[in-house]
Amino acid sequence: LLARPKIRRRWEVTTGWLLIGIGVGIAAA
């Protein structure tokens, strides 16, 4: 499923935003 380019791109964008959110949450704590 993740080998499909469209789904892989969405997965990378979603996990990237999640990691940014976690980083902001840790920085704010």
mmCIF file of all heavy atoms, coordinates in Angstrom:
data_MODEL
# 
_entry.id   MODEL 
# 
loop_
_atom_site.group_PDB 
_atom_site.id 
_atom_site.type_symbol 
_atom_site.label_atom_id 
_atom_site.label_alt_id 
_atom_site.label_comp_id 
_atom_site.label_asym_id 
_atom_site.label_entity_id 
_atom_site.label_seq_id 
_atom_site.pdbx_PDB_ins_code 
_atom_site.Cartn_x 
_atom_site.Cartn_y 
_atom_site.Cartn_z 
_atom_site.occupancy 
_atom_site.B_iso_or_equiv 
_atom_site.pdbx_formal_charge 
_atom_site.auth_seq_id 
_atom_site.auth_comp_id 
_atom_site.auth_asym_id 
_atom_site.auth_atom_id 
_atom_site.pdbx_PDB_model_num 
ATOM 1   N N   . LEU A 1 1  ? 0.829  -1.204 0.000  1.00 0.00 ? 1  LEU A N   1 
ATOM 2   C CA  . LEU A 1 1  ? 0.000  0.000  0.000  1.00 0.00 ? 1  LEU A CA  1 
ATOM 3   C C   . LEU A 1 1  ? 0.866  1.257  0.000  1.00 0.00 ? 1  LEU A C   1 
ATOM 4   O O   . LEU A 1 1  ? 0.619  2.199  -0.765 1.00 0.00 ? 1  LEU A O   1 
ATOM 5   C CB  . LEU A 1 1  ? -0.917 0.000  1.223  1.00 0.00 ? 1  LEU A CB  1 
ATOM 6   C CG  . LEU A 1 1  ? -1.860 1.188  1.368  1.00 0.00 ? 1  LEU A CG  1 
ATOM 7   C CD1 . LEU A 1 1  ? -2.920 1.141  0.282  1.00 0.00 ? 1  LEU A CD1 1 
ATOM 8   C CD2 . LEU A 1 1  ? -2.502 1.188  2.737  1.00 0.00 ? 1  LEU A CD2 1 
ATOM 9   N N   . LEU A 1 2  ? 1.906  1.268  0.828  1.00 0.00 ? 2  LEU A N   1 
ATOM 10  C CA  . LEU A 1 2  ? 2.764  2.459  0.927  1.00 0.00 ? 2  LEU A CA  1 
ATOM 11  C C   . LEU A 1 2  ? 3.719  2.582  -0.258 1.00 0.00 ? 2  LEU A C   1 
ATOM 12  O O   . LEU A 1 2  ? 4.399  3.599  -0.388 1.00 0.00 ? 2  LEU A O   1 
ATOM 13  C CB  . LEU A 1 2  ? 3.539  2.442  2.235  1.00 0.00 ? 2  LEU A CB  1 
ATOM 14  C CG  . LEU A 1 2  ? 2.694  2.667  3.493  1.00 0.00 ? 2  LEU A CG  1 
ATOM 15  C CD1 . LEU A 1 2  ? 3.548  2.507  4.738  1.00 0.00 ? 2  LEU A CD1 1 
ATOM 16  C CD2 . LEU A 1 2  ? 2.029  4.021  3.478  1.00 0.00 ? 2  LEU A CD2 1 
ATOM 17  N N   . ALA A 1 3  ? 3.792  1.575  -1.096 1.00 0.00 ? 3  ALA A N   1 
ATOM 18  C CA  . ALA A 1 3  ? 4.654  1.664  -2.277 1.00 0.00 ? 3  ALA A CA  1 
ATOM 19  C C   . ALA A 1 3  ? 4.039  2.543  -3.353 1.00 0.00 ? 3  ALA A C   1 
ATOM 20  O O   . ALA A 1 3  ? 4.747  3.009  -4.249 1.00 0.00 ? 3  ALA A O   1 
ATOM 21  C CB  . ALA A 1 3  ? 4.922  0.269  -2.834 1.00 0.00 ? 3  ALA A CB  1 
ATOM 22  N N   . ARG A 1 4  ? 2.741  2.796  -3.268 1.00 0.00 ? 4  ARG A N   1 
ATOM 23  C CA  . ARG A 1 4  ? 2.087  3.682  -4.239 1.00 0.00 ? 4  ARG A CA  1 
ATOM 24  C C   . ARG A 1 4  ? 2.544  5.120  -3.990 1.00 0.00 ? 4  ARG A C   1 
ATOM 25  O O   . ARG A 1 4  ? 2.523  5.612  -2.858 1.00 0.00 ? 4  ARG A O   1 
ATOM 26  C CB  . ARG A 1 4  ? 0.574  3.605  -4.100 1.00 0.00 ? 4  ARG A CB  1 
ATOM 27  C CG  . ARG A 1 4  ? 0.007  2.244  -4.366 1.00 0.00 ? 4  ARG A CG  1 
ATOM 28  C CD  . ARG A 1 4  ? -1.482 2.278  -4.208 1.00 0.00 ? 4  ARG A CD  1 
ATOM 29  N NE  . ARG A 1 4  ? -2.038 0.945  -4.145 1.00 0.00 ? 4  ARG A NE  1 
ATOM 30  C CZ  . ARG A 1 4  ? -3.274 0.680  -3.783 1.00 0.00 ? 4  ARG A CZ  1 
ATOM 31  N NH1 . ARG A 1 4  ? -4.095 1.671  -3.446 1.00 0.00 ? 4  ARG A NH1 1 
ATOM 32  N NH2 . ARG A 1 4  ? -3.705 -0.552 -3.759 1.00 0.00 ? 4  ARG A NH2 1 
ATOM 33  N N   . PRO A 1 5  ? 2.968  5.821  -5.033 1.00 0.00 ? 5  PRO A N   1 
ATOM 34  C CA  . PRO A 1 5  ? 3.514  7.170  -4.844 1.00 0.00 ? 5  PRO A CA  1 
ATOM 35  C C   . PRO A 1 5  ? 2.547  8.145  -4.183 1.00 0.00 ? 5  PRO A C   1 
ATOM 36  O O   . PRO A 1 5  ? 2.948  8.931  -3.320 1.00 0.00 ? 5  PRO A O   1 
ATOM 37  C CB  . PRO A 1 5  ? 3.857  7.621  -6.261 1.00 0.00 ? 5  PRO A CB  1 
ATOM 38  C CG  . PRO A 1 5  ? 4.005  6.362  -7.039 1.00 0.00 ? 5  PRO A CG  1 
ATOM 39  C CD  . PRO A 1 5  ? 3.082  5.368  -6.412 1.00 0.00 ? 5  PRO A CD  1 
ATOM 40  N N   . LYS A 1 6  ? 1.276  8.122  -4.577 1.00 0.00 ? 6  LYS A N   1 
ATOM 41  C CA  . LYS A 1 6  ? 0.307  9.068  -4.026 1.00 0.00 ? 6  LYS A CA  1 
ATOM 42  C C   . LYS A 1 6  ? 0.102  8.833  -2.527 1.00 0.00 ? 6  LYS A C   1 
ATOM 43  O O   . LYS A 1 6  ? 0.099  9.772  -1.724 1.00 0.00 ? 6  LYS A O   1 
ATOM 44  C CB  . LYS A 1 6  ? -1.022 8.928  -4.772 1.00 0.00 ? 6  LYS A CB  1 
ATOM 45  C CG  . LYS A 1 6  ? -2.040 9.951  -4.392 1.00 0.00 ? 6  LYS A CG  1 
ATOM 46  C CD  . LYS A 1 6  ? -3.290 9.793  -5.249 1.00 0.00 ? 6  LYS A CD  1 
ATOM 47  C CE  . LYS A 1 6  ? -4.328 10.831 -4.906 1.00 0.00 ? 6  LYS A CE  1 
ATOM 48  N NZ  . LYS A 1 6  ? -5.535 10.677 -5.704 1.00 0.00 ? 6  LYS A NZ  1 
ATOM 49  N N   . ILE A 1 7  ? -0.053 7.590  -2.153 1.00 0.00 ? 7  ILE A N   1 
ATOM 50  C CA  . ILE A 1 7  ? -0.265 7.263  -0.740 1.00 0.00 ? 7  ILE A CA  1 
ATOM 51  C C   . ILE A 1 7  ? 1.005  7.512  0.059  1.00 0.00 ? 7  ILE A C   1 
ATOM 52  O O   . ILE A 1 7  ? 0.950  8.010  1.182  1.00 0.00 ? 7  ILE A O   1 
ATOM 53  C CB  . ILE A 1 7  ? -0.750 5.806  -0.595 1.00 0.00 ? 7  ILE A CB  1 
ATOM 54  C CG1 . ILE A 1 7  ? -2.143 5.684  -1.199 1.00 0.00 ? 7  ILE A CG1 1 
ATOM 55  C CG2 . ILE A 1 7  ? -0.742 5.363  0.860  1.00 0.00 ? 7  ILE A CG2 1 
ATOM 56  C CD1 . ILE A 1 7  ? -2.710 4.296  -1.189 1.00 0.00 ? 7  ILE A CD1 1 
ATOM 57  N N   . ARG A 1 8  ? 2.156  7.206  -0.519 1.00 0.00 ? 8  ARG A N   1 
ATOM 58  C CA  . ARG A 1 8  ? 3.420  7.441  0.174  1.00 0.00 ? 8  ARG A CA  1 
ATOM 59  C C   . ARG A 1 8  ? 3.608  8.929  0.456  1.00 0.00 ? 8  ARG A C   1 
ATOM 60  O O   . ARG A 1 8  ? 4.041  9.323  1.545  1.00 0.00 ? 8  ARG A O   1 
ATOM 61  C CB  . ARG A 1 8  ? 4.577  6.902  -0.662 1.00 0.00 ? 8  ARG A CB  1 
ATOM 62  C CG  . ARG A 1 8  ? 5.910  7.023  0.027  1.00 0.00 ? 8  ARG A CG  1 
ATOM 63  C CD  . ARG A 1 8  ? 7.021  6.475  -0.843 1.00 0.00 ? 8  ARG A CD  1 
ATOM 64  N NE  . ARG A 1 8  ? 8.256  6.486  -0.122 1.00 0.00 ? 8  ARG A NE  1 
ATOM 65  C CZ  . ARG A 1 8  ? 8.860  5.410  0.339  1.00 0.00 ? 8  ARG A CZ  1 
ATOM 66  N NH1 . ARG A 1 8  ? 8.343  4.227  0.134  1.00 0.00 ? 8  ARG A NH1 1 
ATOM 67  N NH2 . ARG A 1 8  ? 9.989  5.508  0.992  1.00 0.00 ? 8  ARG A NH2 1 
ATOM 68  N N   . ARG A 1 9  ? 3.281  9.761  -0.514 1.00 0.00 ? 9  ARG A N   1 
ATOM 69  C CA  . ARG A 1 9  ? 3.417  11.211 -0.331 1.00 0.00 ? 9  ARG A CA  1 
ATOM 70  C C   . ARG A 1 9  ? 2.500  11.706 0.785  1.00 0.00 ? 9  ARG A C   1 
ATOM 71  O O   . ARG A 1 9  ? 2.908  12.482 1.641  1.00 0.00 ? 9  ARG A O   1 
ATOM 72  C CB  . ARG A 1 9  ? 3.108  11.921 -1.654 1.00 0.00 ? 9  ARG A CB  1 
ATOM 73  C CG  . ARG A 1 9  ? 3.145  13.415 -1.572 1.00 0.00 ? 9  ARG A CG  1 
ATOM 74  C CD  . ARG A 1 9  ? 4.561  13.920 -1.443 1.00 0.00 ? 9  ARG A CD  1 
ATOM 75  N NE  . ARG A 1 9  ? 4.537  15.370 -1.370 1.00 0.00 ? 9  ARG A NE  1 
ATOM 76  C CZ  . ARG A 1 9  ? 5.296  16.064 -0.559 1.00 0.00 ? 9  ARG A CZ  1 
ATOM 77  N NH1 . ARG A 1 9  ? 6.179  15.468 0.181  1.00 0.00 ? 9  ARG A NH1 1 
ATOM 78  N NH2 . ARG A 1 9  ? 5.214  17.368 -0.519 1.00 0.00 ? 9  ARG A NH2 1 
ATOM 79  N N   . ARG A 1 10 ? 1.256  11.234 0.783  1.00 0.00 ? 10 ARG A N   1 
ATOM 80  C CA  . ARG A 1 10 ? 0.315  11.634 1.841  1.00 0.00 ? 10 ARG A CA  1 
ATOM 81  C C   . ARG A 1 10 ? 0.823  11.172 3.205  1.00 0.00 ? 10 ARG A C   1 
ATOM 82  O O   . ARG A 1 10 ? 0.704  11.887 4.199  1.00 0.00 ? 10 ARG A O   1 
ATOM 83  C CB  . ARG A 1 10 ? -1.063 11.043 1.587  1.00 0.00 ? 10 ARG A CB  1 
ATOM 84  C CG  . ARG A 1 10 ? -1.831 11.739 0.509  1.00 0.00 ? 10 ARG A CG  1 
ATOM 85  C CD  . ARG A 1 10 ? -3.214 11.175 0.403  1.00 0.00 ? 10 ARG A CD  1 
ATOM 86  N NE  . ARG A 1 10 ? -3.924 11.734 -0.738 1.00 0.00 ? 10 ARG A NE  1 
ATOM 87  C CZ  . ARG A 1 10 ? -5.082 11.308 -1.166 1.00 0.00 ? 10 ARG A CZ  1 
ATOM 88  N NH1 . ARG A 1 10 ? -5.683 10.298 -0.570 1.00 0.00 ? 10 ARG A NH1 1 
ATOM 89  N NH2 . ARG A 1 10 ? -5.670 11.872 -2.204 1.00 0.00 ? 10 ARG A NH2 1 
ATOM 90  N N   . TRP A 1 11 ? 1.347  9.950  3.255  1.00 0.00 ? 11 TRP A N   1 
ATOM 91  C CA  . TRP A 1 11 ? 1.875  9.409  4.515  1.00 0.00 ? 11 TRP A CA  1 
ATOM 92  C C   . TRP A 1 11 ? 3.032  10.260 5.018  1.00 0.00 ? 11 TRP A C   1 
ATOM 93  O O   . TRP A 1 11 ? 3.117  10.578 6.204  1.00 0.00 ? 11 TRP A O   1 
ATOM 94  C CB  . TRP A 1 11 ? 2.313  7.959  4.301  1.00 0.00 ? 11 TRP A CB  1 
ATOM 95  C CG  . TRP A 1 11 ? 2.871  7.324  5.526  1.00 0.00 ? 11 TRP A CG  1 
ATOM 96  C CD1 . TRP A 1 11 ? 4.175  7.106  5.800  1.00 0.00 ? 11 TRP A CD1 1 
ATOM 97  C CD2 . TRP A 1 11 ? 2.152  6.853  6.664  1.00 0.00 ? 11 TRP A CD2 1 
ATOM 98  N NE1 . TRP A 1 11 ? 4.318  6.509  7.023  1.00 0.00 ? 11 TRP A NE1 1 
ATOM 99  C CE2 . TRP A 1 11 ? 3.085  6.343  7.581  1.00 0.00 ? 11 TRP A CE2 1 
ATOM 100 C CE3 . TRP A 1 11 ? 0.795  6.812  6.989  1.00 0.00 ? 11 TRP A CE3 1 
ATOM 101 C CZ2 . TRP A 1 11 ? 2.699  5.809  8.802  1.00 0.00 ? 11 TRP A CZ2 1 
ATOM 102 C CZ3 . TRP A 1 11 ? 0.430  6.270  8.211  1.00 0.00 ? 11 TRP A CZ3 1 
ATOM 103 C CH2 . TRP A 1 11 ? 1.367  5.779  9.091  1.00 0.00 ? 11 TRP A CH2 1 
ATOM 104 N N   . GLU A 1 12 ? 3.940  10.646 4.117  1.00 0.00 ? 12 GLU A N   1 
ATOM 105 C CA  . GLU A 1 12 ? 5.088  11.466 4.516  1.00 0.00 ? 12 GLU A CA  1 
ATOM 106 C C   . GLU A 1 12 ? 4.654  12.842 4.999  1.00 0.00 ? 12 GLU A C   1 
ATOM 107 O O   . GLU A 1 12 ? 5.191  13.356 5.978  1.00 0.00 ? 12 GLU A O   1 
ATOM 108 C CB  . GLU A 1 12 ? 6.071  11.573 3.359  1.00 0.00 ? 12 GLU A CB  1 
ATOM 109 C CG  . GLU A 1 12 ? 6.813  10.282 3.103  1.00 0.00 ? 12 GLU A CG  1 
ATOM 110 C CD  . GLU A 1 12 ? 7.728  10.359 1.895  1.00 0.00 ? 12 GLU A CD  1 
ATOM 111 O OE1 . GLU A 1 12 ? 7.727  11.399 1.206  1.00 0.00 ? 12 GLU A OE1 1 
ATOM 112 O OE2 . GLU A 1 12 ? 8.435  9.368  1.648  1.00 0.00 ? 12 GLU A OE2 1 
ATOM 113 N N   . VAL A 1 13 ? 3.679  13.442 4.332  1.00 0.00 ? 13 VAL A N   1 
ATOM 114 C CA  . VAL A 1 13 ? 3.182  14.761 4.758  1.00 0.00 ? 13 VAL A CA  1 
ATOM 115 C C   . VAL A 1 13 ? 2.504  14.648 6.126  1.00 0.00 ? 13 VAL A C   1 
ATOM 116 O O   . VAL A 1 13 ? 2.752  15.458 7.032  1.00 0.00 ? 13 VAL A O   1 
ATOM 117 C CB  . VAL A 1 13 ? 2.219  15.350 3.704  1.00 0.00 ? 13 VAL A CB  1 
ATOM 118 C CG1 . VAL A 1 13 ? 1.478  16.552 4.245  1.00 0.00 ? 13 VAL A CG1 1 
ATOM 119 C CG2 . VAL A 1 13 ? 2.981  15.720 2.438  1.00 0.00 ? 13 VAL A CG2 1 
ATOM 120 N N   . THR A 1 14 ? 1.670  13.642 6.295  1.00 0.00 ? 14 THR A N   1 
ATOM 121 C CA  . THR A 1 14 ? 0.949  13.466 7.561  1.00 0.00 ? 14 THR A CA  1 
ATOM 122 C C   . THR A 1 14 ? 1.908  13.215 8.714  1.00 0.00 ? 14 THR A C   1 
ATOM 123 O O   . THR A 1 14 ? 1.801  13.855 9.775  1.00 0.00 ? 14 THR A O   1 
ATOM 124 C CB  . THR A 1 14 ? -0.050 12.294 7.445  1.00 0.00 ? 14 THR A CB  1 
ATOM 125 O OG1 . THR A 1 14 ? -0.940 12.554 6.363  1.00 0.00 ? 14 THR A OG1 1 
ATOM 126 C CG2 . THR A 1 14 ? -0.833 12.107 8.721  1.00 0.00 ? 14 THR A CG2 1 
ATOM 127 N N   . THR A 1 15 ? 2.845  12.294 8.535  1.00 0.00 ? 15 THR A N   1 
ATOM 128 C CA  . THR A 1 15 ? 3.785  12.017 9.620  1.00 0.00 ? 15 THR A CA  1 
ATOM 129 C C   . THR A 1 15 ? 4.722  13.201 9.865  1.00 0.00 ? 15 THR A C   1 
ATOM 130 O O   . THR A 1 15 ? 5.123  13.445 11.002 1.00 0.00 ? 15 THR A O   1 
ATOM 131 C CB  . THR A 1 15 ? 4.599  10.739 9.341  1.00 0.00 ? 15 THR A CB  1 
ATOM 132 O OG1 . THR A 1 15 ? 5.249  10.855 8.069  1.00 0.00 ? 15 THR A OG1 1 
ATOM 133 C CG2 . THR A 1 15 ? 3.710  9.515  9.367  1.00 0.00 ? 15 THR A CG2 1 
ATOM 134 N N   . GLY A 1 16 ? 5.037  13.940 8.823  1.00 0.00 ? 16 GLY A N   1 
ATOM 135 C CA  . GLY A 1 16 ? 5.854  15.143 8.996  1.00 0.00 ? 16 GLY A CA  1 
ATOM 136 C C   . GLY A 1 16 ? 5.150  16.166 9.874  1.00 0.00 ? 16 GLY A C   1 
ATOM 137 O O   . GLY A 1 16 ? 5.754  16.733 10.788 1.00 0.00 ? 16 GLY A O   1 
ATOM 138 N N   . TRP A 1 17 ? 3.864  16.406 9.600  1.00 0.00 ? 17 TRP A N   1 
ATOM 139 C CA  . TRP A 1 17 ? 3.103  17.343 10.419 1.00 0.00 ? 17 TRP A CA  1 
ATOM 140 C C   . TRP A 1 17 ? 2.954  16.830 11.850 1.00 0.00 ? 17 TRP A C   1 
ATOM 141 O O   . TRP A 1 17 ? 3.003  17.615 12.807 1.00 0.00 ? 17 TRP A O   1 
ATOM 142 C CB  . TRP A 1 17 ? 1.726  17.615 9.810  1.00 0.00 ? 17 TRP A CB  1 
ATOM 143 C CG  . TRP A 1 17 ? 1.793  18.622 8.711  1.00 0.00 ? 17 TRP A CG  1 
ATOM 144 C CD1 . TRP A 1 17 ? 1.640  18.402 7.383  1.00 0.00 ? 17 TRP A CD1 1 
ATOM 145 C CD2 . TRP A 1 17 ? 2.074  20.022 8.847  1.00 0.00 ? 17 TRP A CD2 1 
ATOM 146 N NE1 . TRP A 1 17 ? 1.812  19.568 6.683  1.00 0.00 ? 17 TRP A NE1 1 
ATOM 147 C CE2 . TRP A 1 17 ? 2.063  20.578 7.549  1.00 0.00 ? 17 TRP A CE2 1 
ATOM 148 C CE3 . TRP A 1 17 ? 2.333  20.852 9.928  1.00 0.00 ? 17 TRP A CE3 1 
ATOM 149 C CZ2 . TRP A 1 17 ? 2.314  21.932 7.336  1.00 0.00 ? 17 TRP A CZ2 1 
ATOM 150 C CZ3 . TRP A 1 17 ? 2.573  22.212 9.706  1.00 0.00 ? 17 TRP A CZ3 1 
ATOM 151 C CH2 . TRP A 1 17 ? 2.552  22.726 8.400  1.00 0.00 ? 17 TRP A CH2 1 
ATOM 152 N N   . LEU A 1 18 ? 2.785  15.530 12.004 1.00 0.00 ? 18 LEU A N   1 
ATOM 153 C CA  . LEU A 1 18 ? 2.701  14.962 13.353 1.00 0.00 ? 18 LEU A CA  1 
ATOM 154 C C   . LEU A 1 18 ? 4.001  15.185 14.129 1.00 0.00 ? 18 LEU A C   1 
ATOM 155 O O   . LEU A 1 18 ? 3.985  15.550 15.309 1.00 0.00 ? 18 LEU A O   1 
ATOM 156 C CB  . LEU A 1 18 ? 2.367  13.476 13.302 1.00 0.00 ? 18 LEU A CB  1 
ATOM 157 C CG  . LEU A 1 18 ? 0.928  13.118 12.980 1.00 0.00 ? 18 LEU A CG  1 
ATOM 158 C CD1 . LEU A 1 18 ? 0.787  11.619 12.765 1.00 0.00 ? 18 LEU A CD1 1 
ATOM 159 C CD2 . LEU A 1 18 ? 0.007  13.576 14.095 1.00 0.00 ? 18 LEU A CD2 1 
ATOM 160 N N   . LEU A 1 19 ? 5.132  14.969 13.467 1.00 0.00 ? 19 LEU A N   1 
ATOM 161 C CA  . LEU A 1 19 ? 6.417  15.194 14.122 1.00 0.00 ? 19 LEU A CA  1 
ATOM 162 C C   . LEU A 1 19 ? 6.635  16.662 14.466 1.00 0.00 ? 19 LEU A C   1 
ATOM 163 O O   . LEU A 1 19 ? 7.173  16.992 15.533 1.00 0.00 ? 19 LEU A O   1 
ATOM 164 C CB  . LEU A 1 19 ? 7.550  14.665 13.265 1.00 0.00 ? 19 LEU A CB  1 
ATOM 165 C CG  . LEU A 1 19 ? 7.642  13.134 13.173 1.00 0.00 ? 19 LEU A CG  1 
ATOM 166 C CD1 . LEU A 1 19 ? 8.684  12.735 12.144 1.00 0.00 ? 19 LEU A CD1 1 
ATOM 167 C CD2 . LEU A 1 19 ? 7.957  12.532 14.514 1.00 0.00 ? 19 LEU A CD2 1 
ATOM 168 N N   . ILE A 1 20 ? 6.193  17.543 13.588 1.00 0.00 ? 20 ILE A N   1 
ATOM 169 C CA  . ILE A 1 20 ? 6.288  18.984 13.888 1.00 0.00 ? 20 ILE A CA  1 
ATOM 170 C C   . ILE A 1 20 ? 5.421  19.322 15.082 1.00 0.00 ? 20 ILE A C   1 
ATOM 171 O O   . ILE A 1 20 ? 5.846  20.060 15.994 1.00 0.00 ? 20 ILE A O   1 
ATOM 172 C CB  . ILE A 1 20 ? 5.893  19.814 12.650 1.00 0.00 ? 20 ILE A CB  1 
ATOM 173 C CG1 . ILE A 1 20 ? 6.966  19.688 11.562 1.00 0.00 ? 20 ILE A CG1 1 
ATOM 174 C CG2 . ILE A 1 20 ? 5.672  21.281 13.021 1.00 0.00 ? 20 ILE A CG2 1 
ATOM 175 C CD1 . ILE A 1 20 ? 6.575  20.291 10.232 1.00 0.00 ? 20 ILE A CD1 1 
ATOM 176 N N   . GLY A 1 21 ? 4.211  18.756 15.122 1.00 0.00 ? 21 GLY A N   1 
ATOM 177 C CA  . GLY A 1 21 ? 3.322  18.987 16.264 1.00 0.00 ? 21 GLY A CA  1 
ATOM 178 C C   . GLY A 1 21 ? 3.903  18.470 17.567 1.00 0.00 ? 21 GLY A C   1 
ATOM 179 O O   . GLY A 1 21 ? 3.810  19.126 18.615 1.00 0.00 ? 21 GLY A O   1 
ATOM 180 N N   . ILE A 1 22 ? 4.506  17.321 17.519 1.00 0.00 ? 22 ILE A N   1 
ATOM 181 C CA  . ILE A 1 22 ? 5.143  16.775 18.731 1.00 0.00 ? 22 ILE A CA  1 
ATOM 182 C C   . ILE A 1 22 ? 6.294  17.669 19.173 1.00 0.00 ? 22 ILE A C   1 
ATOM 183 O O   . ILE A 1 22 ? 6.462  17.949 20.356 1.00 0.00 ? 22 ILE A O   1 
ATOM 184 C CB  . ILE A 1 22 ? 5.612  15.324 18.473 1.00 0.00 ? 22 ILE A CB  1 
ATOM 185 C CG1 . ILE A 1 22 ? 4.403  14.400 18.334 1.00 0.00 ? 22 ILE A CG1 1 
ATOM 186 C CG2 . ILE A 1 22 ? 6.530  14.846 19.600 1.00 0.00 ? 22 ILE A CG2 1 
ATOM 187 C CD1 . ILE A 1 22 ? 4.757  13.006 17.858 1.00 0.00 ? 22 ILE A CD1 1 
ATOM 188 N N   . GLY A 1 23 ? 7.088  18.128 18.213 1.00 0.00 ? 23 GLY A N   1 
ATOM 189 C CA  . GLY A 1 23 ? 8.201  19.017 18.530 1.00 0.00 ? 23 GLY A CA  1 
ATOM 190 C C   . GLY A 1 23 ? 7.720  20.316 19.157 1.00 0.00 ? 23 GLY A C   1 
ATOM 191 O O   . GLY A 1 23 ? 8.298  20.800 20.144 1.00 0.00 ? 23 GLY A O   1 
ATOM 192 N N   . VAL A 1 24 ? 6.655  20.893 18.611 1.00 0.00 ? 24 VAL A N   1 
ATOM 193 C CA  . VAL A 1 24 ? 6.101  22.131 19.172 1.00 0.00 ? 24 VAL A CA  1 
ATOM 194 C C   . VAL A 1 24 ? 5.559  21.872 20.565 1.00 0.00 ? 24 VAL A C   1 
ATOM 195 O O   . VAL A 1 24 ? 5.748  22.671 21.491 1.00 0.00 ? 24 VAL A O   1 
ATOM 196 C CB  . VAL A 1 24 ? 4.997  22.705 18.240 1.00 0.00 ? 24 VAL A CB  1 
ATOM 197 C CG1 . VAL A 1 24 ? 4.218  23.804 18.917 1.00 0.00 ? 24 VAL A CG1 1 
ATOM 198 C CG2 . VAL A 1 24 ? 5.615  23.194 16.947 1.00 0.00 ? 24 VAL A CG2 1 
ATOM 199 N N   . GLY A 1 25 ? 4.905  20.730 20.755 1.00 0.00 ? 25 GLY A N   1 
ATOM 200 C CA  . GLY A 1 25 ? 4.374  20.385 22.081 1.00 0.00 ? 25 GLY A CA  1 
ATOM 201 C C   . GLY A 1 25 ? 5.477  20.228 23.111 1.00 0.00 ? 25 GLY A C   1 
ATOM 202 O O   . GLY A 1 25 ? 5.350  20.670 24.261 1.00 0.00 ? 25 GLY A O   1 
ATOM 203 N N   . ILE A 1 26 ? 6.572  19.604 22.715 1.00 0.00 ? 26 ILE A N   1 
ATOM 204 C CA  . ILE A 1 26 ? 7.697  19.439 23.638 1.00 0.00 ? 26 ILE A CA  1 
ATOM 205 C C   . ILE A 1 26 ? 8.354  20.776 23.920 1.00 0.00 ? 26 ILE A C   1 
ATOM 206 O O   . ILE A 1 26 ? 8.727  21.064 25.064 1.00 0.00 ? 26 ILE A O   1 
ATOM 207 C CB  . ILE A 1 26 ? 8.718  18.431 23.053 1.00 0.00 ? 26 ILE A CB  1 
ATOM 208 C CG1 . ILE A 1 26 ? 8.128  17.024 23.066 1.00 0.00 ? 26 ILE A CG1 1 
ATOM 209 C CG2 . ILE A 1 26 ? 10.035 18.462 23.831 1.00 0.00 ? 26 ILE A CG2 1 
ATOM 210 C CD1 . ILE A 1 26 ? 8.964  15.977 22.389 1.00 0.00 ? 26 ILE A CD1 1 
ATOM 211 N N   . ALA A 1 27 ? 8.500  21.613 22.898 1.00 0.00 ? 27 ALA A N   1 
ATOM 212 C CA  . ALA A 1 27 ? 9.115  22.915 23.100 1.00 0.00 ? 27 ALA A CA  1 
ATOM 213 C C   . ALA A 1 27 ? 8.255  23.791 24.003 1.00 0.00 ? 27 ALA A C   1 
ATOM 214 O O   . ALA A 1 27 ? 8.775  24.599 24.789 1.00 0.00 ? 27 ALA A O   1 
ATOM 215 C CB  . ALA A 1 27 ? 9.344  23.608 21.753 1.00 0.00 ? 27 ALA A CB  1 
ATOM 216 N N   . ALA A 1 28 ? 6.943  23.649 23.927 1.00 0.00 ? 28 ALA A N   1 
ATOM 217 C CA  . ALA A 1 28 ? 6.042  24.462 24.738 1.00 0.00 ? 28 ALA A CA  1 
ATOM 218 C C   . ALA A 1 28 ? 5.963  23.973 26.189 1.00 0.00 ? 28 ALA A C   1 
ATOM 219 O O   . ALA A 1 28 ? 5.566  24.710 27.075 1.00 0.00 ? 28 ALA A O   1 
ATOM 220 C CB  . ALA A 1 28 ? 4.640  24.474 24.129 1.00 0.00 ? 28 ALA A CB  1 
ATOM 221 N N   . ALA A 1 29 ? 6.338  22.735 26.411 1.00 0.00 ? 29 ALA A N   1 
ATOM 222 C CA  . ALA A 1 29 ? 6.216  22.161 27.764 1.00 0.00 ? 29 ALA A CA  1 
ATOM 223 C C   . ALA A 1 29 ? 7.278  22.642 28.713 1.00 0.00 ? 29 ALA A C   1 
ATOM 224 O O   . ALA A 1 29 ? 8.219  23.218 28.520 1.00 0.00 ? 29 ALA A O   1 
ATOM 225 C CB  . ALA A 1 29 ? 6.284  20.638 27.692 1.00 0.00 ? 29 ALA A CB  1 
# 
